[in-house]
Amino acid sequence: MRTPLRLGLAGLGTVGASFFSLVERQGGLLAARAGRPIEIVAVSARDRSRDRGLDLGKVRWFDDPAALAADPDIDLFVELMGGAGGAAEASVRAALAAGKPVVTANKALLAAAGLDLARLAEAQGVALGYEAAVAGGIPVIKTLKESLAGNAVSRVYGILNGTCNYILTRMEREQLSFETCLAEAQRLGYAEADPTFDVDGFDTAHKLSILTSIAFGTEIDAGAIYVEGIREITLADIEAADELGYRIKLLGVARRTETGIEQRVHPTMMPKSSPVARTDGVLNAVAIDGDVVGEIVLVGPGAGGNATASSVLADVVDIARGRISPVFATPAADLAPYVSAGMLAHEGGYYVHLDVVDRPGALASIAGRMAEKGISLESIVQRRRKPRAEAPGAARPEDPQPVILITYATTEVQIRDALAAIEEDGHTVAPPRLIRIEDL
């Protein structure tokens, strides 16, 4: 059997520890499938004294991950530290500069510096693997790069963040508020103490930018993505979606248009019959539209130590077999500049929730503003609230009533202009809540 592939591993958190254990546990299987043994020979982490339940006695320890990355006694560098810059980026660059292949699960790093790292890896003739950076244990990167190589992709979309999907699922099933479900997600370890990255959509945007580059052969531009999170979703929205035959999911959507690539992350009402809409809990789902195969949907665990480590190891085995391919499917030198279609050009149906002052002419004025902007309404639903209790003889202020508008297909710019005009008219007491409707 050939000489072992010697790994240097930086990061011994949840994923790193799972990866270390997986390599140890599956040693015989890996050697048979890769054609050579795969061994971790050196590691680096922040705290050397921490008990991780791992036998680190046979591996060398590096306090500096960049020194580990450049060490001549490793053949491949595995980066599982995370973070868009700092030690993660420095160590990946050090490994590539030394002519060593790299495997990472770091979507933030790839979204920020992926193009530059791809150029460096391809100039050095080494692999840069990142299957685990998007959708955890789902092999979506390999599917796009290899299985669908003969397809022109027109759209990629899906649920790319398990934390948000868990929260929205529990809100729907148990009629719990966003705040309650978030607190439970934090207690269970599905959400960080600071959940901003997840619930405000940035994690999904980073992953979407990677899929977009592979699917459409463009340079990564995560900053061009329209991003909207799930903080404003209420139980009233969940209930309305259910009555209308929809479920609310946080989607990342990338679509080729005549004017450029549309990239957006936002809560979406989608038909209950959709395979993606039926994906619940912490699972992820990615749908890909190809001109040859049509639509395929991949569903599975999008996070977690073992699922993510499994995808990391898949890249390692590919490299052990000697496989090298362009980082983003198309050689970095041939990636087209990213041209954004712009969010304002997006076209589709919309759900709008308004808190309307209950007085004559308010609804007629709202409908008129919609018509002025060329928007056709499929339905207007007014939900009566019970009046507030007041002292006898007191003058009762006008009670705002919830009104739901469902539009036919219109553009983002039209709906925004109409809602701005409605707010200016003074018929509402709170900012409108808008959710896009997609027949996906």
Protein backbone atom coordinates (compact mmCIF):
# COMPACT_ATOMS: atom_id res chain seq x y z
CA MET A 1 0.00 0.00 0.00
CA ARG A 2 1.16 3.54 -0.73
CA THR A 3 2.63 5.88 1.88
CA PRO A 4 0.14 7.51 4.27
CA LEU A 5 -1.41 10.89 3.58
CA ARG A 6 -0.32 12.98 6.56
CA LEU A 7 -2.85 15.54 7.76
CA GLY A 8 -2.34 18.68 9.79
CA LEU A 9 -5.58 19.68 11.54
CA ALA A 10 -6.24 23.22 12.80
CA GLY A 11 -9.29 23.53 15.03
CA LEU A 12 -10.54 21.04 17.61
CA GLY A 13 -14.03 22.40 18.25
CA THR A 14 -17.19 20.41 17.57
CA VAL A 15 -16.36 19.71 13.92
CA GLY A 16 -12.61 19.32 14.44
CA ALA A 17 -13.04 16.84 17.29
CA SER A 18 -15.60 14.86 15.26
CA PHE A 19 -13.23 14.80 12.29
CA PHE A 20 -10.33 13.59 14.44
CA SER A 21 -12.47 10.78 15.86
CA LEU A 22 -13.82 9.85 12.43
CA VAL A 23 -10.34 9.48 10.94
CA GLU A 24 -9.32 7.30 13.87
CA ARG A 25 -12.48 5.18 13.75
CA GLN A 26 -12.65 4.66 10.00
CA GLY A 27 -8.95 4.13 9.36
CA GLY A 28 -9.25 0.76 7.63
CA LEU A 29 -12.18 1.80 5.46
CA LEU A 30 -10.45 5.03 4.44
CA ALA A 31 -7.24 3.25 3.49
CA ALA A 32 -9.17 0.81 1.31
CA ARG A 33 -11.17 3.51 -0.45
CA ALA A 34 -8.39 6.06 -0.83
CA GLY A 35 -5.72 3.53 -1.77
CA ARG A 36 -3.47 4.74 1.04
CA PRO A 37 -3.70 5.26 4.80
CA ILE A 38 -4.93 8.64 6.06
CA GLU A 39 -3.40 9.83 9.32
CA ILE A 40 -3.59 12.97 11.43
CA VAL A 41 -0.01 13.69 12.48
CA ALA A 42 -0.26 17.24 13.88
CA VAL A 43 -2.91 19.54 15.33
CA SER A 44 -3.38 23.11 16.43
CA ALA A 45 -6.04 24.67 18.66
CA ARG A 46 -6.46 27.59 21.04
CA ASP A 47 -6.29 25.71 24.34
CA ARG A 48 -3.82 22.87 24.68
CA SER A 49 -4.97 21.93 28.19
CA ARG A 50 -8.65 21.43 27.36
CA ASP A 51 -9.96 17.86 27.66
CA ARG A 52 -11.69 17.05 24.38
CA GLY A 53 -11.98 13.31 24.90
CA LEU A 54 -9.34 12.71 22.21
CA ASP A 55 -6.08 10.82 22.38
CA LEU A 56 -3.63 13.49 21.21
CA GLY A 57 -0.57 11.73 22.57
CA LYS A 58 0.58 10.50 19.15
CA VAL A 59 0.28 13.82 17.31
CA ARG A 60 2.46 16.92 17.37
CA TRP A 61 1.01 20.13 18.77
CA PHE A 62 1.38 23.55 17.15
CA ASP A 63 0.36 26.73 18.92
CA ASP A 64 0.53 28.61 15.61
CA PRO A 65 -1.79 27.17 12.91
CA ALA A 66 0.13 28.96 10.16
CA ALA A 67 3.31 27.17 11.26
CA LEU A 68 1.41 23.89 11.14
CA ALA A 69 0.12 24.72 7.66
CA ALA A 70 3.65 25.26 6.33
CA ASP A 71 5.20 22.31 8.17
CA PRO A 72 7.13 20.08 5.71
CA ASP A 73 6.02 16.93 7.54
CA ILE A 74 2.35 17.27 6.61
CA ASP A 75 0.90 16.59 3.15
CA LEU A 76 -2.53 18.24 3.55
CA PHE A 77 -3.85 21.02 5.76
CA VAL A 78 -7.37 20.81 7.22
CA GLU A 79 -8.73 24.16 8.47
CA LEU A 80 -11.67 23.88 10.89
CA MET A 81 -11.13 27.02 12.97
CA GLY A 82 -13.68 29.24 11.24
CA GLY A 83 -13.72 32.99 10.73
CA ALA A 84 -13.44 35.14 7.62
CA GLY A 85 -9.89 36.31 8.26
CA GLY A 86 -7.28 36.15 11.00
CA ALA A 87 -5.64 32.83 11.76
CA ALA A 88 -7.90 30.88 9.42
CA GLU A 89 -7.03 32.90 6.34
CA ALA A 90 -3.36 33.22 7.26
CA SER A 91 -2.96 29.48 7.73
CA VAL A 92 -4.82 28.56 4.53
CA ARG A 93 -2.66 30.98 2.57
CA ALA A 94 0.47 29.56 4.22
CA ALA A 95 -0.47 26.00 3.23
CA LEU A 96 -1.29 26.93 -0.37
CA ALA A 97 1.87 29.01 -0.69
CA ALA A 98 3.84 25.96 0.47
CA GLY A 99 2.20 23.87 -2.26
CA LYS A 100 -0.04 21.90 0.09
CA PRO A 101 -3.68 21.07 -0.64
CA VAL A 102 -6.27 22.45 1.78
CA VAL A 103 -9.66 21.26 2.99
CA THR A 104 -11.89 23.69 4.89
CA ALA A 105 -15.46 24.03 6.16
CA ASN A 106 -15.14 27.81 6.35
CA LYS A 107 -17.93 29.45 4.32
CA ALA A 108 -17.18 32.92 5.70
CA LEU A 109 -13.58 32.71 4.50
CA LEU A 110 -14.60 31.48 1.06
CA ALA A 111 -17.26 34.16 0.70
CA ALA A 112 -14.73 36.85 1.58
CA ALA A 113 -11.53 35.58 -0.07
CA GLY A 114 -12.52 32.53 -2.09
CA LEU A 115 -11.57 33.94 -5.48
CA ASP A 116 -8.10 34.93 -4.35
CA LEU A 117 -7.56 31.57 -2.63
CA ALA A 118 -8.78 29.73 -5.74
CA ARG A 119 -6.25 31.60 -7.88
CA LEU A 120 -3.48 30.73 -5.43
CA ALA A 121 -4.44 27.05 -5.26
CA GLU A 122 -4.71 26.70 -9.04
CA ALA A 123 -1.42 28.52 -9.60
CA GLN A 124 0.22 26.02 -7.24
CA GLY A 125 -1.54 23.04 -8.82
CA VAL A 126 -3.10 21.90 -5.55
CA ALA A 127 -6.66 21.21 -4.43
CA LEU A 128 -8.83 23.45 -2.27
CA GLY A 129 -11.79 21.40 -1.00
CA TYR A 130 -14.79 22.87 0.83
CA GLU A 131 -17.70 20.43 0.55
CA ALA A 132 -18.49 20.98 4.23
CA ALA A 133 -18.78 24.76 3.84
CA VAL A 134 -22.31 24.56 2.41
CA ALA A 135 -25.17 22.44 3.77
CA GLY A 136 -23.05 20.35 6.14
CA GLY A 137 -23.41 16.67 5.26
CA ILE A 138 -25.25 17.23 1.95
CA PRO A 139 -22.92 16.70 -1.05
CA VAL A 140 -24.17 19.76 -2.92
CA ILE A 141 -20.72 21.06 -3.97
CA LYS A 142 -19.76 17.73 -5.55
CA THR A 143 -23.18 17.51 -7.20
CA LEU A 144 -22.80 20.92 -8.84
CA LYS A 145 -19.14 20.51 -9.78
CA GLU A 146 -19.25 16.91 -10.98
CA SER A 147 -22.65 15.26 -11.33
CA LEU A 148 -24.22 18.25 -13.10
CA ALA A 149 -21.18 19.24 -15.14
CA GLY A 150 -23.15 18.69 -18.35
CA ASN A 151 -26.05 20.91 -17.27
CA ALA A 152 -26.61 24.62 -17.68
CA VAL A 153 -28.02 25.63 -14.29
CA SER A 154 -30.76 28.26 -14.27
CA ARG A 155 -31.53 28.39 -10.55
CA VAL A 156 -30.24 27.22 -7.18
CA TYR A 157 -32.27 27.72 -4.03
CA GLY A 158 -32.91 26.21 -0.67
CA ILE A 159 -32.82 26.16 3.09
CA LEU A 160 -29.18 26.67 4.01
CA ASN A 161 -29.40 27.44 7.74
CA GLY A 162 -30.64 24.85 10.22
CA THR A 163 -31.06 27.32 13.08
CA CYS A 164 -33.62 29.39 11.17
CA ASN A 165 -35.40 26.30 9.92
CA TYR A 166 -35.63 24.92 13.45
CA ILE A 167 -37.10 28.19 14.75
CA LEU A 168 -39.68 28.52 11.95
CA THR A 169 -40.67 24.86 12.29
CA ARG A 170 -41.30 25.17 16.02
CA MET A 171 -43.17 28.44 15.59
CA GLU A 172 -45.53 26.70 13.17
CA ARG A 173 -45.96 23.39 14.98
CA GLU A 174 -46.25 24.66 18.55
CA GLN A 175 -47.54 28.22 18.08
CA LEU A 176 -44.55 29.67 19.90
CA SER A 177 -43.08 33.13 19.42
CA PHE A 178 -39.80 33.79 17.63
CA GLU A 179 -38.18 34.81 20.92
CA THR A 180 -39.24 31.60 22.68
CA CYS A 181 -38.01 29.38 19.85
CA LEU A 182 -34.71 31.24 19.61
CA ALA A 183 -34.10 30.78 23.33
CA GLU A 184 -34.78 27.05 23.00
CA ALA A 185 -32.46 26.82 19.99
CA GLN A 186 -29.72 28.46 22.06
CA ARG A 187 -30.34 26.07 24.96
CA LEU A 188 -30.03 23.07 22.64
CA GLY A 189 -26.89 24.41 20.97
CA TYR A 190 -28.51 25.06 17.59
CA ALA A 191 -27.99 28.81 17.93
CA GLU A 192 -25.06 30.84 19.26
CA ALA A 193 -25.31 33.20 22.23
CA ASP A 194 -25.20 35.96 19.61
CA PRO A 195 -27.50 34.56 16.91
CA THR A 196 -27.13 37.49 14.49
CA PHE A 197 -25.12 35.61 11.88
CA ASP A 198 -27.82 32.94 11.60
CA VAL A 199 -31.19 34.62 12.16
CA ASP A 200 -30.35 37.76 10.18
CA GLY A 201 -29.49 35.70 7.10
CA PHE A 202 -25.74 36.30 6.75
CA ASP A 203 -24.78 32.64 7.13
CA THR A 204 -27.20 31.73 4.35
CA ALA A 205 -25.82 34.54 2.17
CA HIS A 206 -22.23 33.28 2.50
CA LYS A 207 -23.27 29.78 1.47
CA LEU A 208 -25.41 31.08 -1.39
CA SER A 209 -22.51 33.10 -2.79
CA ILE A 210 -20.43 29.91 -3.06
CA LEU A 211 -23.21 27.99 -4.81
CA THR A 212 -23.76 30.90 -7.19
CA SER A 213 -20.11 30.93 -8.27
CA ILE A 214 -20.12 27.22 -9.04
CA ALA A 215 -23.56 27.15 -10.68
CA PHE A 216 -23.11 30.15 -12.95
CA GLY A 217 -19.34 30.39 -13.43
CA THR A 218 -19.07 33.83 -11.86
CA GLU A 219 -16.75 35.42 -9.34
CA ILE A 220 -17.99 35.35 -5.74
CA ASP A 221 -19.71 38.53 -4.57
CA ALA A 222 -21.39 37.93 -1.22
CA GLY A 223 -21.76 41.68 -0.73
CA ALA A 224 -24.17 41.90 -3.67
CA ILE A 225 -26.74 39.58 -2.06
CA TYR A 226 -30.00 41.08 -0.78
CA VAL A 227 -30.28 39.80 2.81
CA GLU A 228 -33.29 39.77 5.13
CA GLY A 229 -33.61 37.57 8.23
CA ILE A 230 -36.49 36.06 10.21
CA ARG A 231 -36.69 38.29 13.29
CA GLU A 232 -39.86 40.04 12.09
CA ILE A 233 -41.82 36.85 11.36
CA THR A 234 -44.81 36.58 13.72
CA LEU A 235 -47.27 33.87 14.63
CA ALA A 236 -49.90 35.85 12.71
CA ASP A 237 -47.76 35.47 9.57
CA ILE A 238 -47.30 31.74 10.21
CA GLU A 239 -51.07 31.31 10.64
CA ALA A 240 -51.90 33.33 7.52
CA ALA A 241 -49.41 31.31 5.47
CA ASP A 242 -51.00 28.07 6.66
CA GLU A 243 -54.50 29.25 5.71
CA LEU A 244 -53.26 30.28 2.26
CA GLY A 245 -51.61 26.89 1.63
CA TYR A 246 -48.03 28.02 2.26
CA ARG A 247 -45.21 27.51 4.74
CA ILE A 248 -42.63 30.16 5.61
CA LYS A 249 -38.96 29.25 5.12
CA LEU A 250 -35.79 31.32 5.03
CA LEU A 251 -34.53 30.73 1.51
CA GLY A 252 -31.37 31.57 -0.35
CA VAL A 253 -32.16 31.96 -4.05
CA ALA A 254 -29.78 32.46 -6.99
CA ARG A 255 -31.27 32.75 -10.47
CA ARG A 256 -29.93 33.57 -13.90
CA THR A 257 -31.85 36.39 -15.60
CA GLU A 258 -31.47 38.32 -18.85
CA THR A 259 -29.80 41.20 -16.99
CA GLY A 260 -27.56 39.27 -14.60
CA ILE A 261 -27.63 36.95 -11.60
CA GLU A 262 -30.28 37.51 -8.96
CA GLN A 263 -29.09 36.59 -5.45
CA ARG A 264 -31.36 37.03 -2.46
CA VAL A 265 -31.92 35.72 1.07
CA HIS A 266 -35.27 36.31 2.76
CA PRO A 267 -38.28 34.64 4.39
CA THR A 268 -40.46 33.10 1.70
CA MET A 269 -43.97 31.71 1.51
CA MET A 270 -43.81 28.55 -0.59
CA PRO A 271 -46.47 25.91 -1.34
CA LYS A 272 -46.83 23.18 1.25
CA SER A 273 -46.44 20.60 -1.53
CA SER A 274 -42.86 21.67 -2.27
CA PRO A 275 -40.16 19.20 -1.11
CA VAL A 276 -38.18 22.14 0.23
CA ALA A 277 -41.20 23.47 2.15
CA ARG A 278 -41.61 20.05 3.75
CA THR A 279 -38.04 20.12 5.09
CA ASP A 280 -38.29 20.73 8.84
CA GLY A 281 -36.19 21.14 11.96
CA VAL A 282 -32.44 21.55 11.59
CA LEU A 283 -32.34 19.87 8.18
CA ASN A 284 -31.21 21.71 5.04
CA ALA A 285 -32.55 21.33 1.50
CA VAL A 286 -31.01 22.49 -1.77
CA ALA A 287 -32.82 22.48 -5.12
CA ILE A 288 -30.98 22.81 -8.43
CA ASP A 289 -32.61 23.43 -11.83
CA GLY A 290 -30.57 22.01 -14.72
CA ASP A 291 -31.53 22.12 -18.38
CA VAL A 292 -30.87 18.39 -18.82
CA VAL A 293 -31.99 16.79 -15.55
CA GLY A 294 -34.68 19.28 -14.60
CA GLU A 295 -34.97 19.93 -10.86
CA ILE A 296 -33.20 17.84 -8.25
CA VAL A 297 -33.54 18.30 -4.49
CA LEU A 298 -30.95 17.27 -1.91
CA VAL A 299 -32.05 17.04 1.74
CA GLY A 300 -30.04 16.21 4.83
CA PRO A 301 -28.27 17.46 7.96
CA GLY A 302 -26.89 20.93 7.34
CA ALA A 303 -24.73 21.16 10.45
CA GLY A 304 -23.43 19.17 13.40
CA GLY A 305 -20.06 17.65 14.14
CA ASN A 306 -20.44 14.27 12.47
CA ALA A 307 -22.33 15.45 9.37
CA THR A 308 -19.86 18.24 8.68
CA ALA A 309 -16.85 16.02 9.44
CA SER A 310 -18.20 13.49 6.94
CA SER A 311 -18.07 16.09 4.17
CA VAL A 312 -14.59 17.21 5.23
CA LEU A 313 -13.39 13.64 5.01
CA ALA A 314 -14.94 13.23 1.54
CA ASP A 315 -12.66 16.01 0.28
CA VAL A 316 -9.67 14.47 2.02
CA VAL A 317 -10.31 11.11 0.34
CA ASP A 318 -10.59 12.79 -3.07
CA ILE A 319 -7.21 14.41 -2.54
CA ALA A 320 -5.73 11.13 -1.32
CA ARG A 321 -6.85 9.63 -4.65
CA GLY A 322 -5.03 12.38 -6.50
CA ARG A 323 -8.08 14.30 -7.71
CA ILE A 324 -7.61 18.00 -8.43
CA SER A 325 -10.21 20.17 -10.12
CA PRO A 326 -10.83 23.92 -10.47
CA VAL A 327 -11.94 25.28 -7.12
CA PHE A 328 -15.25 26.71 -8.37
CA ALA A 329 -15.72 24.21 -11.23
CA THR A 330 -14.61 26.84 -13.76
CA PRO A 331 -10.91 27.81 -13.59
CA ALA A 332 -10.50 30.97 -11.53
CA ALA A 333 -8.97 32.83 -14.49
CA ASP A 334 -12.11 32.11 -16.54
CA LEU A 335 -14.77 33.03 -13.99
CA ALA A 336 -16.96 35.84 -15.34
CA PRO A 337 -17.28 39.06 -13.34
CA TYR A 338 -20.43 38.94 -11.23
CA VAL A 339 -23.23 41.05 -12.73
CA SER A 340 -26.16 41.59 -10.38
CA ALA A 341 -29.72 41.66 -11.69
CA GLY A 342 -30.64 43.87 -8.73
CA MET A 343 -33.31 43.20 -6.15
CA LEU A 344 -35.66 45.93 -7.34
CA ALA A 345 -36.17 44.03 -10.62
CA HIS A 346 -37.35 40.91 -8.81
CA GLU A 347 -40.84 39.86 -9.85
CA GLY A 348 -43.30 37.72 -7.94
CA GLY A 349 -46.27 37.63 -5.62
CA TYR A 350 -46.25 39.30 -2.21
CA TYR A 351 -47.90 38.88 1.17
CA VAL A 352 -48.32 42.19 2.98
CA HIS A 353 -49.47 42.61 6.59
CA LEU A 354 -50.74 46.08 7.53
CA ASP A 355 -52.03 47.39 10.86
CA VAL A 356 -54.71 49.73 9.54
CA VAL A 357 -56.59 52.39 11.47
CA ASP A 358 -60.25 51.31 11.53
CA ARG A 359 -61.99 54.22 9.84
CA PRO A 360 -64.09 54.73 6.71
CA GLY A 361 -62.17 54.89 3.45
CA ALA A 362 -58.91 53.40 4.74
CA LEU A 363 -59.12 50.15 2.79
CA ALA A 364 -60.29 51.92 -0.34
CA SER A 365 -57.32 54.30 -0.10
CA ILE A 366 -54.90 51.38 0.34
CA ALA A 367 -56.34 49.52 -2.64
CA GLY A 368 -56.14 52.73 -4.65
CA ARG A 369 -52.46 53.18 -3.88
CA MET A 370 -51.80 49.65 -5.05
CA ALA A 371 -53.66 50.27 -8.28
CA GLU A 372 -51.73 53.53 -8.87
CA LYS A 373 -48.51 51.50 -8.86
CA GLY A 374 -49.91 48.92 -11.26
CA ILE A 375 -50.34 46.21 -8.62
CA SER A 376 -53.28 43.80 -8.89
CA LEU A 377 -54.57 42.32 -5.65
CA GLU A 378 -55.55 38.68 -5.48
CA SER A 379 -57.19 39.14 -2.09
CA ILE A 380 -57.71 41.51 0.83
CA VAL A 381 -58.39 39.91 4.20
CA GLN A 382 -59.31 41.96 7.27
CA ARG A 383 -58.93 40.22 10.61
CA ARG A 384 -60.94 41.89 13.38
CA ARG A 385 -59.29 42.42 16.74
CA LYS A 386 -61.24 42.79 19.95
CA PRO A 387 -61.47 46.48 20.98
CA ARG A 388 -59.31 47.60 23.84
CA ALA A 389 -60.98 47.84 27.28
CA GLU A 390 -61.42 51.45 28.32
CA ALA A 391 -62.75 53.45 31.25
CA PRO A 392 -66.48 54.30 31.09
CA GLY A 393 -67.09 57.52 29.24
CA ALA A 394 -63.55 57.77 27.87
CA ALA A 395 -63.10 58.58 24.21
CA ARG A 396 -61.86 55.41 22.53
CA PRO A 397 -59.04 55.87 19.96
CA GLU A 398 -59.46 54.13 16.65
CA ASP A 399 -58.31 50.54 17.05
CA PRO A 400 -55.88 49.38 14.33
CA GLN A 401 -57.01 46.24 12.57
CA PRO A 402 -54.75 43.70 10.80
CA VAL A 403 -55.22 43.64 7.04
CA ILE A 404 -53.54 41.09 4.76
CA LEU A 405 -52.98 41.80 1.08
CA ILE A 406 -51.99 39.10 -1.41
CA THR A 407 -50.75 40.46 -4.71
CA TYR A 408 -50.49 38.95 -8.13
CA ALA A 409 -47.02 39.04 -9.70
CA THR A 410 -45.45 42.48 -9.48
CA THR A 411 -41.97 43.92 -9.11
CA GLU A 412 -40.06 44.74 -5.96
CA VAL A 413 -39.85 48.40 -6.87
CA GLN A 414 -43.61 48.63 -7.43
CA ILE A 415 -44.54 47.04 -4.10
CA ARG A 416 -42.04 49.16 -2.18
CA ASP A 417 -43.30 52.36 -3.80
CA ALA A 418 -46.91 51.42 -3.02
CA LEU A 419 -46.16 50.64 0.64
CA ALA A 420 -44.25 53.90 1.04
CA ALA A 421 -47.29 55.81 -0.28
CA ILE A 422 -49.63 53.89 2.05
CA GLU A 423 -47.48 54.79 5.06
CA GLU A 424 -47.42 58.45 4.03
CA ASP A 425 -51.24 58.49 3.91
CA GLY A 426 -51.35 57.77 7.65
CA HIS A 427 -53.74 54.84 7.51
CA THR A 428 -51.28 52.46 9.24
CA VAL A 429 -49.79 52.52 12.72
CA ALA A 430 -46.74 50.26 12.17
CA PRO A 431 -44.35 49.49 9.32
CA PRO A 432 -45.78 46.95 6.85
CA ARG A 433 -44.51 43.37 6.99
CA LEU A 434 -43.75 41.96 3.56
CA ILE A 435 -43.04 38.33 2.65
CA ARG A 436 -42.31 37.21 -0.88
CA ILE A 437 -44.36 34.36 -2.33
CA GLU A 438 -42.58 31.80 -4.51
CA ASP A 439 -44.21 28.93 -6.40
CA LEU A 440 -41.10 26.79 -6.06
